[in-house]
Amino acid sequence: MSTPSKSPAARPTLRMVADEAGVSAATASYVLSGRRTTARGPGASEATRERIRQAAQRLGYVPNHAARSMRTGNTQVIQLSLSMLSDPWSLAVAEAVNTAGRERDLETMILADGDWYRALERRPSDVAFLDSVPDTPVDRERLSTLASHGQRLVVFSETIEPDGFDVIRSDAAPGGAIAADRLLAAHRDIACLTAASVLATPPPSRLTGFQQHLQEHGVRPDWIATYDGGEATAFTSALTLLASSPRPTAVYATTDFAAIATIHAAHRLGLSVPEDVAVIGLGNTPAGELTSPTLTTVGPLDFYSRLADTVVALAMGERTPGTLHEFPWALISRESA
């Protein structure tokens, strides 16, 4: 005679967590969703939050995201549209947003093909960060359409204005001037390494401030080498530039990854950085601290953590969309220039 099998233990519920912590189900739900404020002001105290989290851990409570999404209309998902996944800038953005999102029980997904409009039409998210949106009437209309349908957006752009969505602006023109000023202190033979796509985008802000500053100091502003694509083509272009005669004694790269590629090219040619050639980048990505020598660069301070906080706050509904966030540039002085 077989003995009846034991029925599996009931899955812990939100109500059980609330009773265990001595709070209402609404408070437990709010805390476990990662939210920190309510429409009436600050939410639960940190002591209450910790009590709820410990109760959930003791009971083995796991939030049912599918049920929550159906109930609230929230997806618990952040989408990132990043134009170049191998770029240290993109990697730093993804890491910062993913880290900040996980602290609030949000998942981060990357849209790999760049077709952000089609993807967001088919599968909306709590917020989407878009790093490369052309400033055209068509794309501005697409942004406005998505925003009017309730899709929260954070757009990284030097020219697009907020219109029911947030814009993060980090005007690169002053950054180019700062880089030029640093190199002009010790050099006159100064070249620029930039992506061909930068030249094709009027006005090329990563170049204008740099070139204007050189011209004001009587230095040739048109010594420009270009590359197509990512680090491999930047490295090849830097090799050609540094093997030329005459050779520049300083190189300004319009991205940090191109600057790092230039350092590698200099080493391949037996040149010392900065003794034989100084190198300065643009972007202040974390990768610049890991090169040898470390990369002198120009970029906004605390950019990635502040960007991530902006994206996550919008995803959690803690702010109303439509804000312009501006990030000033600064020189980060290291060893390469």
C-alpha atoms as a PDB file:
ATOM      1  CA  MET A   1       0.000   0.000   0.000  1.00  0.00           C
ATOM      2  CA  SER A   2       1.550   3.254  -1.057  1.00  0.00           C
ATOM      3  CA  THR A   3       1.701   6.165   1.334  1.00  0.00           C
ATOM      4  CA  PRO A   4       0.306   9.458   0.117  1.00  0.00           C
ATOM      5  CA  SER A   5       2.990  11.900  -0.909  1.00  0.00           C
ATOM      6  CA  LYS A   6       3.307  15.102   1.009  1.00  0.00           C
ATOM      7  CA  SER A   7       1.877  18.090  -0.777  1.00  0.00           C
ATOM      8  CA  PRO A   8       4.463  20.736  -1.570  1.00  0.00           C
ATOM      9  CA  ALA A   9       4.645  23.635   0.827  1.00  0.00           C
ATOM     10  CA  ALA A  10       2.519  26.558  -0.230  1.00  0.00           C
ATOM     11  CA  ARG A  11       4.440  29.280  -1.976  1.00  0.00           C
ATOM     12  CA  PRO A  12       4.956  32.222   0.400  1.00  0.00           C
ATOM     13  CA  THR A  13       2.653  35.110  -0.421  1.00  0.00           C
ATOM     14  CA  LEU A  14       2.991  38.851  -0.076  1.00  0.00           C
ATOM     15  CA  ARG A  15       0.389  38.763   2.695  1.00  0.00           C
ATOM     16  CA  MET A  16       2.535  36.265   4.632  1.00  0.00           C
ATOM     17  CA  VAL A  17       5.560  38.569   4.315  1.00  0.00           C
ATOM     18  CA  ALA A  18       3.480  41.536   5.483  1.00  0.00           C
ATOM     19  CA  ASP A  19       2.184  39.624   8.516  1.00  0.00           C
ATOM     20  CA  GLU A  20       5.694  38.425   9.356  1.00  0.00           C
ATOM     21  CA  ALA A  21       7.044  41.983   9.206  1.00  0.00           C
ATOM     22  CA  GLY A  22       4.054  43.529  10.963  1.00  0.00           C
ATOM     23  CA  VAL A  23       3.113  45.871   8.121  1.00  0.00           C
ATOM     24  CA  SER A  24       0.307  46.189   5.594  1.00  0.00           C
ATOM     25  CA  ALA A  25       0.405  44.249   2.335  1.00  0.00           C
ATOM     26  CA  ALA A  26       0.557  47.576   0.483  1.00  0.00           C
ATOM     27  CA  THR A  27       3.696  48.612   2.384  1.00  0.00           C
ATOM     28  CA  ALA A  28       5.335  45.231   1.806  1.00  0.00           C
ATOM     29  CA  SER A  29       4.500  45.404  -1.897  1.00  0.00           C
ATOM     30  CA  TYR A  30       5.879  48.924  -2.204  1.00  0.00           C
ATOM     31  CA  VAL A  31       9.155  48.089  -0.473  1.00  0.00           C
ATOM     32  CA  LEU A  32       9.729  44.802  -2.318  1.00  0.00           C
ATOM     33  CA  SER A  33       9.080  46.526  -5.655  1.00  0.00           C
ATOM     34  CA  GLY A  34      12.112  48.709  -4.959  1.00  0.00           C
ATOM     35  CA  ARG A  35      10.228  51.993  -4.755  1.00  0.00           C
ATOM     36  CA  ARG A  36      11.446  54.582  -2.272  1.00  0.00           C
ATOM     37  CA  THR A  37       8.828  57.327  -2.403  1.00  0.00           C
ATOM     38  CA  THR A  38       5.063  57.573  -2.593  1.00  0.00           C
ATOM     39  CA  ALA A  39       2.750  60.191  -4.035  1.00  0.00           C
ATOM     40  CA  ARG A  40       2.422  61.531  -0.484  1.00  0.00           C
ATOM     41  CA  GLY A  41       6.154  61.870   0.066  1.00  0.00           C
ATOM     42  CA  PRO A  42       8.889  59.626   1.524  1.00  0.00           C
ATOM     43  CA  GLY A  43       7.980  55.959   1.827  1.00  0.00           C
ATOM     44  CA  ALA A  44       8.806  53.494   4.576  1.00  0.00           C
ATOM     45  CA  SER A  45      11.731  54.098   6.917  1.00  0.00           C
ATOM     46  CA  GLU A  46      14.950  52.190   6.354  1.00  0.00           C
ATOM     47  CA  ALA A  47      14.284  50.134   9.497  1.00  0.00           C
ATOM     48  CA  THR A  48      10.875  49.093   8.153  1.00  0.00           C
ATOM     49  CA  ARG A  49      12.376  48.292   4.761  1.00  0.00           C
ATOM     50  CA  GLU A  50      15.000  46.087   6.344  1.00  0.00           C
ATOM     51  CA  ARG A  51      12.385  44.301   8.450  1.00  0.00           C
ATOM     52  CA  ILE A  52      10.322  43.553   5.328  1.00  0.00           C
ATOM     53  CA  ARG A  53      13.362  42.362   3.370  1.00  0.00           C
ATOM     54  CA  GLN A  54      14.405  40.039   6.207  1.00  0.00           C
ATOM     55  CA  ALA A  55      10.869  38.650   6.480  1.00  0.00           C
ATOM     56  CA  ALA A  56      10.824  37.935   2.752  1.00  0.00           C
ATOM     57  CA  GLN A  57      14.198  36.205   3.010  1.00  0.00           C
ATOM     58  CA  ARG A  58      13.145  34.059   5.983  1.00  0.00           C
ATOM     59  CA  LEU A  59       9.986  32.926   4.214  1.00  0.00           C
ATOM     60  CA  GLY A  60      11.705  32.393   0.873  1.00  0.00           C
ATOM     61  CA  TYR A  61       9.365  34.856  -0.824  1.00  0.00           C
ATOM     62  CA  VAL A  62      10.083  35.474  -4.517  1.00  0.00           C
ATOM     63  CA  PRO A  63       8.109  38.243  -6.294  1.00  0.00           C
ATOM     64  CA  ASN A  64       5.970  37.041  -9.198  1.00  0.00           C
ATOM     65  CA  HIS A  65       7.036  39.516 -11.875  1.00  0.00           C
ATOM     66  CA  ALA A  66       4.599  38.197 -14.459  1.00  0.00           C
ATOM     67  CA  ALA A  67       1.654  38.654 -12.125  1.00  0.00           C
ATOM     68  CA  ARG A  68       2.892  42.068 -11.051  1.00  0.00           C
ATOM     69  CA  SER A  69       3.244  43.198 -14.661  1.00  0.00           C
ATOM     70  CA  MET A  70      -0.309  42.113 -15.448  1.00  0.00           C
ATOM     71  CA  ARG A  71      -1.633  43.835 -12.331  1.00  0.00           C
ATOM     72  CA  THR A  72       0.277  47.126 -12.538  1.00  0.00           C
ATOM     73  CA  GLY A  73       1.075  47.479 -16.219  1.00  0.00           C
ATOM     74  CA  ASN A  74       4.779  47.751 -15.341  1.00  0.00           C
ATOM     75  CA  THR A  75       7.305  45.447 -16.989  1.00  0.00           C
ATOM     76  CA  GLN A  76      10.171  45.743 -14.463  1.00  0.00           C
ATOM     77  CA  VAL A  77      12.415  46.076 -17.533  1.00  0.00           C
ATOM     78  CA  ILE A  78      14.864  48.759 -18.674  1.00  0.00           C
ATOM     79  CA  GLN A  79      15.813  48.686 -22.347  1.00  0.00           C
ATOM     80  CA  LEU A  80      19.094  50.104 -23.637  1.00  0.00           C
ATOM     81  CA  SER A  81      19.632  50.953 -27.296  1.00  0.00           C
ATOM     82  CA  LEU A  82      23.418  51.221 -27.643  1.00  0.00           C
ATOM     83  CA  SER A  83      24.895  51.931 -31.056  1.00  0.00           C
ATOM     84  CA  MET A  84      28.279  50.263 -30.485  1.00  0.00           C
ATOM     85  CA  LEU A  85      28.365  47.508 -27.888  1.00  0.00           C
ATOM     86  CA  SER A  86      32.170  47.176 -27.950  1.00  0.00           C
ATOM     87  CA  ASP A  87      32.675  50.857 -27.102  1.00  0.00           C
ATOM     88  CA  PRO A  88      33.875  51.340 -23.494  1.00  0.00           C
ATOM     89  CA  TRP A  89      31.302  54.137 -23.191  1.00  0.00           C
ATOM     90  CA  SER A  90      28.450  51.740 -24.019  1.00  0.00           C
ATOM     91  CA  LEU A  91      29.830  49.087 -21.686  1.00  0.00           C
ATOM     92  CA  ALA A  92      30.090  51.609 -18.853  1.00  0.00           C
ATOM     93  CA  VAL A  93      26.510  52.793 -19.433  1.00  0.00           C
ATOM     94  CA  ALA A  94      25.204  49.216 -19.489  1.00  0.00           C
ATOM     95  CA  GLU A  95      27.068  48.257 -16.307  1.00  0.00           C
ATOM     96  CA  ALA A  96      25.949  51.357 -14.398  1.00  0.00           C
ATOM     97  CA  VAL A  97      22.290  51.025 -15.411  1.00  0.00           C
ATOM     98  CA  ASN A  98      22.236  47.278 -14.753  1.00  0.00           C
ATOM     99  CA  THR A  99      23.747  47.736 -11.282  1.00  0.00           C
ATOM    100  CA  ALA A 100      21.362  50.544 -10.337  1.00  0.00           C
ATOM    101  CA  GLY A 101      18.400  48.678 -11.807  1.00  0.00           C
ATOM    102  CA  ARG A 102      19.054  45.447  -9.925  1.00  0.00           C
ATOM    103  CA  GLU A 103      19.009  47.372  -6.650  1.00  0.00           C
ATOM    104  CA  ARG A 104      15.407  48.298  -7.501  1.00  0.00           C
ATOM    105  CA  ASP A 105      14.412  44.848  -8.800  1.00  0.00           C
ATOM    106  CA  LEU A 106      14.583  45.921 -12.459  1.00  0.00           C
ATOM    107  CA  GLU A 107      16.033  43.850 -15.289  1.00  0.00           C
ATOM    108  CA  THR A 108      18.120  45.437 -18.042  1.00  0.00           C
ATOM    109  CA  MET A 109      17.880  44.362 -21.677  1.00  0.00           C
ATOM    110  CA  ILE A 110      20.017  45.564 -24.588  1.00  0.00           C
ATOM    111  CA  LEU A 111      18.532  46.202 -28.028  1.00  0.00           C
ATOM    112  CA  ALA A 112      21.366  44.931 -30.181  1.00  0.00           C
ATOM    113  CA  ASP A 113      20.174  45.853 -33.677  1.00  0.00           C
ATOM    114  CA  GLY A 114      19.619  49.571 -33.090  1.00  0.00           C
ATOM    115  CA  ASP A 115      16.025  49.570 -34.404  1.00  0.00           C
ATOM    116  CA  TRP A 116      14.708  51.113 -31.209  1.00  0.00           C
ATOM    117  CA  TYR A 117      11.417  52.378 -32.619  1.00  0.00           C
ATOM    118  CA  ARG A 118      10.280  49.006 -33.933  1.00  0.00           C
ATOM    119  CA  ALA A 119      11.407  47.243 -30.748  1.00  0.00           C
ATOM    120  CA  LEU A 120       9.602  49.651 -28.425  1.00  0.00           C
ATOM    121  CA  GLU A 121       6.444  49.603 -30.520  1.00  0.00           C
ATOM    122  CA  ARG A 122       6.300  45.834 -30.218  1.00  0.00           C
ATOM    123  CA  ARG A 123       7.494  45.461 -26.630  1.00  0.00           C
ATOM    124  CA  PRO A 124       7.298  48.540 -24.390  1.00  0.00           C
ATOM    125  CA  SER A 125       9.317  48.742 -21.182  1.00  0.00           C
ATOM    126  CA  ASP A 126       9.277  50.814 -18.014  1.00  0.00           C
ATOM    127  CA  VAL A 127      11.964  53.020 -19.558  1.00  0.00           C
ATOM    128  CA  ALA A 128      14.280  52.970 -22.569  1.00  0.00           C
ATOM    129  CA  PHE A 129      17.647  54.703 -22.909  1.00  0.00           C
ATOM    130  CA  LEU A 130      18.591  55.619 -26.490  1.00  0.00           C
ATOM    131  CA  ASP A 131      22.171  56.677 -27.174  1.00  0.00           C
ATOM    132  CA  SER A 132      22.116  57.426 -30.899  1.00  0.00           C
ATOM    133  CA  VAL A 133      18.982  59.087 -32.246  1.00  0.00           C
ATOM    134  CA  PRO A 134      19.418  61.256 -35.366  1.00  0.00           C
ATOM    135  CA  ASP A 135      18.004  64.751 -34.930  1.00  0.00           C
ATOM    136  CA  THR A 136      15.600  64.478 -37.861  1.00  0.00           C
ATOM    137  CA  PRO A 137      11.880  65.304 -38.121  1.00  0.00           C
ATOM    138  CA  VAL A 138      11.097  61.601 -38.557  1.00  0.00           C
ATOM    139  CA  ASP A 139      12.990  60.506 -35.451  1.00  0.00           C
ATOM    140  CA  ARG A 140      11.701  63.379 -33.324  1.00  0.00           C
ATOM    141  CA  GLU A 141       8.166  62.382 -34.343  1.00  0.00           C
ATOM    142  CA  ARG A 142       8.907  58.776 -33.390  1.00  0.00           C
ATOM    143  CA  LEU A 143      10.105  59.848 -29.957  1.00  0.00           C
ATOM    144  CA  SER A 144       7.023  61.992 -29.403  1.00  0.00           C
ATOM    145  CA  THR A 145       4.725  59.176 -30.544  1.00  0.00           C
ATOM    146  CA  LEU A 146       6.268  56.671 -28.145  1.00  0.00           C
ATOM    147  CA  ALA A 147       6.134  59.184 -25.295  1.00  0.00           C
ATOM    148  CA  SER A 148       2.462  59.965 -26.005  1.00  0.00           C
ATOM    149  CA  HIS A 149       1.721  56.238 -25.726  1.00  0.00           C
ATOM    150  CA  GLY A 150       3.243  56.139 -22.251  1.00  0.00           C
ATOM    151  CA  GLN A 151       6.710  54.834 -23.092  1.00  0.00           C
ATOM    152  CA  ARG A 152       9.218  56.567 -20.813  1.00  0.00           C
ATOM    153  CA  LEU A 153      12.384  57.556 -22.680  1.00  0.00           C
ATOM    154  CA  VAL A 154      15.825  58.941 -21.880  1.00  0.00           C
ATOM    155  CA  VAL A 155      17.598  60.175 -25.015  1.00  0.00           C
ATOM    156  CA  PHE A 156      21.312  60.963 -25.165  1.00  0.00           C
ATOM    157  CA  SER A 157      21.602  63.854 -27.624  1.00  0.00           C
ATOM    158  CA  GLU A 158      23.454  67.118 -28.073  1.00  0.00           C
ATOM    159  CA  THR A 159      20.641  68.729 -30.087  1.00  0.00           C
ATOM    160  CA  ILE A 160      17.242  67.063 -29.467  1.00  0.00           C
ATOM    161  CA  GLU A 161      15.001  68.882 -26.982  1.00  0.00           C
ATOM    162  CA  PRO A 162      12.759  67.167 -24.393  1.00  0.00           C
ATOM    163  CA  ASP A 163       9.199  66.603 -25.593  1.00  0.00           C
ATOM    164  CA  GLY A 164       7.465  64.305 -23.149  1.00  0.00           C
ATOM    165  CA  PHE A 165      10.761  62.433 -22.694  1.00  0.00           C
ATOM    166  CA  ASP A 166      14.048  63.167 -20.916  1.00  0.00           C
ATOM    167  CA  VAL A 167      17.215  64.254 -22.707  1.00  0.00           C
ATOM    168  CA  ILE A 168      20.738  63.830 -21.378  1.00  0.00           C
ATOM    169  CA  ARG A 169      23.017  66.419 -22.936  1.00  0.00           C
ATOM    170  CA  SER A 170      26.768  66.451 -22.758  1.00  0.00           C
ATOM    171  CA  ASP A 171      27.895  69.026 -25.322  1.00  0.00           C
ATOM    172  CA  ALA A 172      31.218  67.807 -26.679  1.00  0.00           C
ATOM    173  CA  ALA A 173      32.337  71.116 -28.238  1.00  0.00           C
ATOM    174  CA  PRO A 174      33.732  72.525 -24.954  1.00  0.00           C
ATOM    175  CA  GLY A 175      35.406  69.159 -24.372  1.00  0.00           C
ATOM    176  CA  GLY A 176      37.324  69.454 -27.633  1.00  0.00           C
ATOM    177  CA  ALA A 177      38.524  72.922 -26.644  1.00  0.00           C
ATOM    178  CA  ILE A 178      39.682  71.633 -23.246  1.00  0.00           C
ATOM    179  CA  ALA A 179      41.621  68.822 -24.957  1.00  0.00           C
ATOM    180  CA  ALA A 180      43.227  71.256 -27.403  1.00  0.00           C
ATOM    181  CA  ASP A 181      44.266  73.565 -24.588  1.00  0.00           C
ATOM    182  CA  ARG A 182      45.973  70.681 -22.783  1.00  0.00           C
ATOM    183  CA  LEU A 183      47.939  69.626 -25.876  1.00  0.00           C
ATOM    184  CA  LEU A 184      48.852  73.185 -26.928  1.00  0.00           C
ATOM    185  CA  ALA A 185      50.740  73.627 -23.661  1.00  0.00           C
ATOM    186  CA  ALA A 186      53.533  71.407 -25.045  1.00  0.00           C
ATOM    187  CA  HIS A 187      52.845  70.677 -28.732  1.00  0.00           C
ATOM    188  CA  ARG A 188      52.348  72.246 -32.159  1.00  0.00           C
ATOM    189  CA  ASP A 189      52.177  69.118 -34.348  1.00  0.00           C
ATOM    190  CA  ILE A 190      48.738  67.971 -33.259  1.00  0.00           C
ATOM    191  CA  ALA A 191      46.526  65.519 -35.146  1.00  0.00           C
ATOM    192  CA  CYS A 192      42.998  64.290 -34.590  1.00  0.00           C
ATOM    193  CA  LEU A 193      41.681  60.725 -34.888  1.00  0.00           C
ATOM    194  CA  THR A 194      37.934  60.501 -35.367  1.00  0.00           C
ATOM    195  CA  ALA A 195      35.225  58.263 -36.795  1.00  0.00           C
ATOM    196  CA  ALA A 196      34.157  59.077 -40.342  1.00  0.00           C
ATOM    197  CA  SER A 197      30.593  59.263 -39.032  1.00  0.00           C
ATOM    198  CA  VAL A 198      31.541  62.237 -36.841  1.00  0.00           C
ATOM    199  CA  LEU A 199      32.592  64.229 -39.915  1.00  0.00           C
ATOM    200  CA  ALA A 200      29.330  63.296 -41.620  1.00  0.00           C
ATOM    201  CA  THR A 201      27.216  64.766 -38.800  1.00  0.00           C
ATOM    202  CA  PRO A 202      26.883  68.554 -39.059  1.00  0.00           C
ATOM    203  CA  PRO A 203      28.107  70.234 -37.010  1.00  0.00           C
ATOM    204  CA  PRO A 204      30.730  67.748 -35.756  1.00  0.00           C
ATOM    205  CA  SER A 205      30.742  69.029 -32.175  1.00  0.00           C
ATOM    206  CA  ARG A 206      33.555  66.710 -31.098  1.00  0.00           C
ATOM    207  CA  LEU A 207      35.741  68.518 -33.622  1.00  0.00           C
ATOM    208  CA  THR A 208      34.516  72.118 -33.728  1.00  0.00           C
ATOM    209  CA  GLY A 209      35.757  73.227 -30.315  1.00  0.00           C
ATOM    210  CA  PHE A 210      39.071  71.439 -30.857  1.00  0.00           C
ATOM    211  CA  GLN A 211      39.682  72.899 -34.320  1.00  0.00           C
ATOM    212  CA  GLN A 212      38.639  76.421 -33.363  1.00  0.00           C
ATOM    213  CA  HIS A 213      41.007  76.385 -30.405  1.00  0.00           C
ATOM    214  CA  LEU A 214      43.925  75.211 -32.558  1.00  0.00           C
ATOM    215  CA  GLN A 215      43.202  77.861 -35.173  1.00  0.00           C
ATOM    216  CA  GLU A 216      43.090  80.598 -32.545  1.00  0.00           C
ATOM    217  CA  HIS A 217      46.618  79.569 -31.522  1.00  0.00           C
ATOM    218  CA  GLY A 218      47.988  79.459 -35.061  1.00  0.00           C
ATOM    219  CA  VAL A 219      48.112  75.662 -35.279  1.00  0.00           C
ATOM    220  CA  ARG A 220      46.965  73.699 -38.320  1.00  0.00           C
ATOM    221  CA  PRO A 221      43.415  72.486 -37.496  1.00  0.00           C
ATOM    222  CA  ASP A 222      42.877  70.022 -40.361  1.00  0.00           C
ATOM    223  CA  TRP A 223      45.326  67.195 -39.587  1.00  0.00           C
ATOM    224  CA  ILE A 224      42.616  64.571 -39.309  1.00  0.00           C
ATOM    225  CA  ALA A 225      42.736  60.787 -39.642  1.00  0.00           C
ATOM    226  CA  THR A 226      39.486  58.826 -39.809  1.00  0.00           C
ATOM    227  CA  TYR A 227      38.349  55.273 -39.217  1.00  0.00           C
ATOM    228  CA  ASP A 228      35.166  53.300 -39.858  1.00  0.00           C
ATOM    229  CA  GLY A 229      33.705  51.107 -37.149  1.00  0.00           C
ATOM    230  CA  GLY A 230      35.268  50.168 -33.848  1.00  0.00           C
ATOM    231  CA  GLU A 231      38.566  49.586 -32.112  1.00  0.00           C
ATOM    232  CA  ALA A 232      40.202  47.472 -34.833  1.00  0.00           C
ATOM    233  CA  THR A 233      39.826  50.115 -37.544  1.00  0.00           C
ATOM    234  CA  ALA A 234      40.771  52.867 -35.097  1.00  0.00           C
ATOM    235  CA  PHE A 235      43.966  50.942 -34.324  1.00  0.00           C
ATOM    236  CA  THR A 236      44.787  50.541 -38.032  1.00  0.00           C
ATOM    237  CA  SER A 237      44.191  54.228 -38.707  1.00  0.00           C
ATOM    238  CA  ALA A 238      46.325  55.205 -35.706  1.00  0.00           C
ATOM    239  CA  LEU A 239      49.155  52.986 -36.977  1.00  0.00           C
ATOM    240  CA  THR A 240      49.100  54.779 -40.331  1.00  0.00           C
ATOM    241  CA  LEU A 241      48.960  58.194 -38.668  1.00  0.00           C
ATOM    242  CA  LEU A 242      51.861  57.536 -36.293  1.00  0.00           C
ATOM    243  CA  ALA A 243      53.997  55.942 -39.020  1.00  0.00           C
ATOM    244  CA  SER A 244      53.640  58.995 -41.274  1.00  0.00           C
ATOM    245  CA  SER A 245      56.345  61.556 -41.899  1.00  0.00           C
ATOM    246  CA  PRO A 246      56.145  64.102 -40.462  1.00  0.00           C
ATOM    247  CA  ARG A 247      54.595  62.422 -37.459  1.00  0.00           C
ATOM    248  CA  PRO A 248      52.339  64.232 -34.991  1.00  0.00           C
ATOM    249  CA  THR A 249      53.707  64.635 -31.486  1.00  0.00           C
ATOM    250  CA  ALA A 250      50.202  64.688 -30.020  1.00  0.00           C
ATOM    251  CA  VAL A 251      46.888  63.051 -30.939  1.00  0.00           C
ATOM    252  CA  TYR A 252      43.394  64.030 -29.882  1.00  0.00           C
ATOM    253  CA  ALA A 253      40.926  61.143 -30.295  1.00  0.00           C
ATOM    254  CA  THR A 254      37.208  61.931 -30.273  1.00  0.00           C
ATOM    255  CA  THR A 255      36.431  58.796 -28.237  1.00  0.00           C
ATOM    256  CA  ASP A 256      38.293  57.095 -25.429  1.00  0.00           C
ATOM    257  CA  PHE A 257      38.391  53.779 -27.284  1.00  0.00           C
ATOM    258  CA  ALA A 258      40.124  55.456 -30.256  1.00  0.00           C
ATOM    259  CA  ALA A 259      42.583  57.086 -27.847  1.00  0.00           C
ATOM    260  CA  ILE A 260      43.334  53.704 -26.271  1.00  0.00           C
ATOM    261  CA  ALA A 261      43.787  52.232 -29.757  1.00  0.00           C
ATOM    262  CA  THR A 262      46.273  55.048 -30.473  1.00  0.00           C
ATOM    263  CA  ILE A 263      48.284  54.154 -27.366  1.00  0.00           C
ATOM    264  CA  HIS A 264      48.408  50.520 -28.514  1.00  0.00           C
ATOM    265  CA  ALA A 265      49.478  51.624 -32.006  1.00  0.00           C
ATOM    266  CA  ALA A 266      52.261  53.769 -30.540  1.00  0.00           C
ATOM    267  CA  HIS A 267      53.532  50.799 -28.538  1.00  0.00           C
ATOM    268  CA  ARG A 268      53.418  48.617 -31.660  1.00  0.00           C
ATOM    269  CA  LEU A 269      55.646  51.166 -33.440  1.00  0.00           C
ATOM    270  CA  GLY A 270      58.071  51.399 -30.525  1.00  0.00           C
ATOM    271  CA  LEU A 271      56.955  54.895 -29.533  1.00  0.00           C
ATOM    272  CA  SER A 272      56.660  55.985 -25.916  1.00  0.00           C
ATOM    273  CA  VAL A 273      53.537  57.689 -24.601  1.00  0.00           C
ATOM    274  CA  PRO A 274      53.658  60.557 -23.745  1.00  0.00           C
ATOM    275  CA  GLU A 275      57.381  61.097 -24.431  1.00  0.00           C
ATOM    276  CA  ASP A 276      57.198  60.505 -28.212  1.00  0.00           C
ATOM    277  CA  VAL A 277      53.500  61.125 -28.701  1.00  0.00           C
ATOM    278  CA  ALA A 278      50.928  62.476 -26.270  1.00  0.00           C
ATOM    279  CA  VAL A 279      47.395  61.069 -26.451  1.00  0.00           C
ATOM    280  CA  ILE A 280      44.162  62.504 -25.092  1.00  0.00           C
ATOM    281  CA  GLY A 281      40.654  61.056 -25.383  1.00  0.00           C
ATOM    282  CA  LEU A 282      37.080  62.199 -24.998  1.00  0.00           C
ATOM    283  CA  GLY A 283      34.457  60.510 -22.835  1.00  0.00           C
ATOM    284  CA  ASN A 284      36.004  59.674 -19.447  1.00  0.00           C
ATOM    285  CA  THR A 285      35.191  55.964 -19.662  1.00  0.00           C
ATOM    286  CA  PRO A 286      36.412  53.581 -16.929  1.00  0.00           C
ATOM    287  CA  ALA A 287      38.663  51.827 -19.473  1.00  0.00           C
ATOM    288  CA  GLY A 288      40.929  54.883 -19.480  1.00  0.00           C
ATOM    289  CA  GLU A 289      42.105  54.073 -15.969  1.00  0.00           C
ATOM    290  CA  LEU A 290      43.175  50.563 -17.012  1.00  0.00           C
ATOM    291  CA  THR A 291      45.530  51.415 -19.876  1.00  0.00           C
ATOM    292  CA  SER A 292      49.279  51.788 -19.561  1.00  0.00           C
ATOM    293  CA  PRO A 293      49.940  54.654 -19.397  1.00  0.00           C
ATOM    294  CA  THR A 294      46.592  55.710 -17.983  1.00  0.00           C
ATOM    295  CA  LEU A 295      44.562  57.838 -20.368  1.00  0.00           C
ATOM    296  CA  THR A 296      44.201  61.575 -20.013  1.00  0.00           C
ATOM    297  CA  THR A 297      40.677  62.364 -21.150  1.00  0.00           C
ATOM    298  CA  VAL A 298      37.939  64.969 -21.107  1.00  0.00           C
ATOM    299  CA  GLY A 299      34.424  64.170 -19.970  1.00  0.00           C
ATOM    300  CA  PRO A 300      31.675  64.749 -17.442  1.00  0.00           C
ATOM    301  CA  LEU A 301      32.363  63.726 -13.852  1.00  0.00           C
ATOM    302  CA  ASP A 302      30.229  61.009 -12.212  1.00  0.00           C
ATOM    303  CA  PHE A 303      28.434  60.695 -15.540  1.00  0.00           C
ATOM    304  CA  TYR A 304      27.580  56.998 -15.488  1.00  0.00           C
ATOM    305  CA  SER A 305      26.168  56.837 -11.976  1.00  0.00           C
ATOM    306  CA  ARG A 306      24.118  59.994 -12.529  1.00  0.00           C
ATOM    307  CA  LEU A 307      22.835  58.705 -15.872  1.00  0.00           C
ATOM    308  CA  ALA A 308      21.856  55.404 -14.262  1.00  0.00           C
ATOM    309  CA  ASP A 309      20.048  57.175 -11.417  1.00  0.00           C
ATOM    310  CA  THR A 310      18.108  59.252 -13.966  1.00  0.00           C
ATOM    311  CA  VAL A 311      17.063  56.177 -15.956  1.00  0.00           C
ATOM    312  CA  VAL A 312      16.045  54.156 -12.897  1.00  0.00           C
ATOM    313  CA  ALA A 313      14.103  57.016 -11.282  1.00  0.00           C
ATOM    314  CA  LEU A 314      12.072  57.411 -14.471  1.00  0.00           C
ATOM    315  CA  ALA A 315      11.470  53.657 -14.659  1.00  0.00           C
ATOM    316  CA  MET A 316      10.135  53.675 -11.098  1.00  0.00           C
ATOM    317  CA  GLY A 317       7.773  56.558 -11.844  1.00  0.00           C
ATOM    318  CA  GLU A 318       9.512  58.822  -9.346  1.00  0.00           C
ATOM    319  CA  ARG A 319       9.731  61.730 -11.798  1.00  0.00           C
ATOM    320  CA  THR A 320       7.602  63.212 -14.559  1.00  0.00           C
ATOM    321  CA  PRO A 321       9.216  62.827 -18.021  1.00  0.00           C
ATOM    322  CA  GLY A 322      10.339  65.900 -19.949  1.00  0.00           C
ATOM    323  CA  THR A 323      13.543  67.040 -18.223  1.00  0.00           C
ATOM    324  CA  LEU A 324      16.812  68.201 -19.791  1.00  0.00           C
ATOM    325  CA  HIS A 325      19.856  66.927 -17.867  1.00  0.00           C
ATOM    326  CA  GLU A 326      23.100  68.732 -18.709  1.00  0.00           C
ATOM    327  CA  PHE A 327      26.560  67.438 -17.816  1.00  0.00           C
ATOM    328  CA  PRO A 328      29.509  69.865 -18.005  1.00  0.00           C
ATOM    329  CA  TRP A 329      32.918  68.622 -19.166  1.00  0.00           C
ATOM    330  CA  ALA A 330      36.177  68.589 -17.237  1.00  0.00           C
ATOM    331  CA  LEU A 331      39.779  67.522 -17.825  1.00  0.00           C
ATOM    332  CA  ILE A 332      40.745  64.231 -16.177  1.00  0.00           C
ATOM    333  CA  SER A 333      44.527  64.510 -16.062  1.00  0.00           C
ATOM    334  CA  ARG A 334      46.435  61.223 -16.107  1.00  0.00           C
ATOM    335  CA  GLU A 335      49.648  59.953 -17.701  1.00  0.00           C
ATOM    336  CA  SER A 336      49.156  59.874 -21.486  1.00  0.00           C
ATOM    337  CA  ALA A 337      49.235  63.650 -22.044  1.00  0.00           C
END
